Amino acid sequence: MQRLKCSVAESEDHRIVINLKPNHMRKEIHIVSNSNRGGWDAKRPNAERASKHFEKKQEAMDWSRELAKKEGLEMIPHRKDGQIQNPNS
């Protein structure tokens, strides 16, 4: 269960409560190596399954770049060892 922080501002006559929603995270699509099937996956954060699987990294990059443009996502490619390469906003 995710705990949300709450901000409260008070003055003599007013009390303002601001609730923060968990959807304030960046929208991302990650290109990661799939060690079980081989190839590469385009995957959203915290997703159990990949959005789409590809044999070649370049295919995953091209598909993810188009999705990122359409949906306003940040594309984050990873190396085969899992380290982030160069994120593309």
Protein backbone atom coordinates (compact mmCIF):
# COMPACT_ATOMS: atom_id res chain seq x y z
CA MET A 1 0.00 0.00 0.00
CA GLN A 2 1.38 3.37 -0.99
CA ARG A 3 1.30 6.11 1.62
CA LEU A 4 0.62 9.65 0.40
CA LYS A 5 1.94 12.79 1.99
CA CYS A 6 -0.49 15.55 2.78
CA SER A 7 0.38 19.23 2.95
CA VAL A 8 -1.55 21.60 5.24
CA ALA A 9 -1.39 25.40 5.20
CA GLU A 10 -3.22 27.40 7.86
CA SER A 11 -3.95 31.05 8.50
CA GLU A 12 -6.30 32.72 10.99
CA ASP A 13 -9.44 32.19 8.89
CA HIS A 14 -8.53 29.41 6.47
CA ARG A 15 -7.20 25.92 6.42
CA ILE A 16 -6.08 24.47 3.08
CA VAL A 17 -5.34 20.77 2.68
CA ILE A 18 -3.61 19.53 -0.45
CA ASN A 19 -3.60 15.80 -1.14
CA LEU A 20 -0.94 14.46 -3.46
CA LYS A 21 -1.95 11.65 -5.79
CA PRO A 22 0.38 8.76 -6.65
CA ASN A 23 0.06 9.57 -10.38
CA HIS A 24 2.64 12.37 -10.11
CA MET A 25 5.30 9.99 -11.38
CA ARG A 26 6.84 10.43 -14.82
CA LYS A 27 5.36 8.43 -17.64
CA GLU A 28 8.05 6.19 -19.08
CA ILE A 29 8.66 3.30 -21.45
CA HIS A 30 11.80 1.23 -20.85
CA ILE A 31 13.64 -0.86 -23.43
CA VAL A 32 15.12 -3.81 -21.54
CA SER A 33 16.84 -7.07 -22.41
CA ASN A 34 14.71 -10.20 -21.93
CA SER A 35 16.98 -12.86 -20.43
CA ASN A 36 14.31 -15.61 -20.59
CA ARG A 37 13.19 -15.27 -24.22
CA GLY A 38 16.15 -13.42 -25.66
CA GLY A 39 15.61 -10.19 -27.53
CA TRP A 40 14.26 -6.97 -26.08
CA ASP A 41 11.07 -5.78 -24.37
CA ALA A 42 9.33 -2.43 -24.31
CA LYS A 43 8.02 -2.23 -20.77
CA ARG A 44 6.30 0.33 -18.55
CA PRO A 45 7.47 0.80 -14.96
CA ASN A 46 5.95 -1.64 -12.45
CA ALA A 47 4.35 -3.73 -15.23
CA GLU A 48 4.54 -7.49 -14.85
CA ARG A 49 4.50 -8.07 -18.62
CA ALA A 50 6.13 -6.24 -21.49
CA SER A 51 4.03 -3.99 -23.70
CA LYS A 52 5.70 -5.64 -26.69
CA HIS A 53 8.61 -8.05 -27.37
CA PHE A 54 11.19 -7.66 -30.16
CA GLU A 55 14.04 -9.74 -31.51
CA LYS A 56 16.30 -6.71 -32.08
CA LYS A 57 16.93 -3.72 -29.85
CA GLN A 58 16.57 -1.26 -32.74
CA GLU A 59 13.04 -2.57 -33.43
CA ALA A 60 12.14 -2.01 -29.76
CA MET A 61 13.66 1.48 -29.88
CA ASP A 62 11.75 2.46 -33.03
CA TRP A 63 8.40 1.18 -31.73
CA SER A 64 8.92 2.77 -28.31
CA ARG A 65 9.94 6.10 -29.83
CA GLU A 66 6.66 6.29 -31.77
CA LEU A 67 4.67 5.34 -28.66
CA ALA A 68 6.55 7.96 -26.63
CA LYS A 69 5.68 10.64 -29.18
CA LYS A 70 1.99 9.68 -29.23
CA GLU A 71 1.54 9.33 -25.48
CA GLY A 72 4.03 11.90 -24.18
CA LEU A 73 6.29 9.30 -22.56
CA GLU A 74 9.98 9.39 -21.81
CA MET A 75 11.80 6.56 -23.57
CA ILE A 76 14.53 5.01 -21.43
CA PRO A 77 16.81 2.47 -23.14
CA HIS A 78 18.88 0.08 -21.06
CA ARG A 79 22.06 -1.82 -21.88
CA LYS A 80 22.02 -5.60 -21.90
CA ASP A 81 23.34 -5.52 -18.30
CA GLY A 82 20.35 -3.40 -17.21
CA GLN A 83 22.10 -0.05 -16.83
CA ILE A 84 20.31 2.98 -18.28
CA GLN A 85 21.87 4.30 -21.47
CA ASN A 86 20.82 7.76 -22.65
CA PRO A 87 17.18 8.66 -21.81
CA ASN A 88 15.27 10.42 -24.58
CA SER A 89 12.54 12.83 -23.57
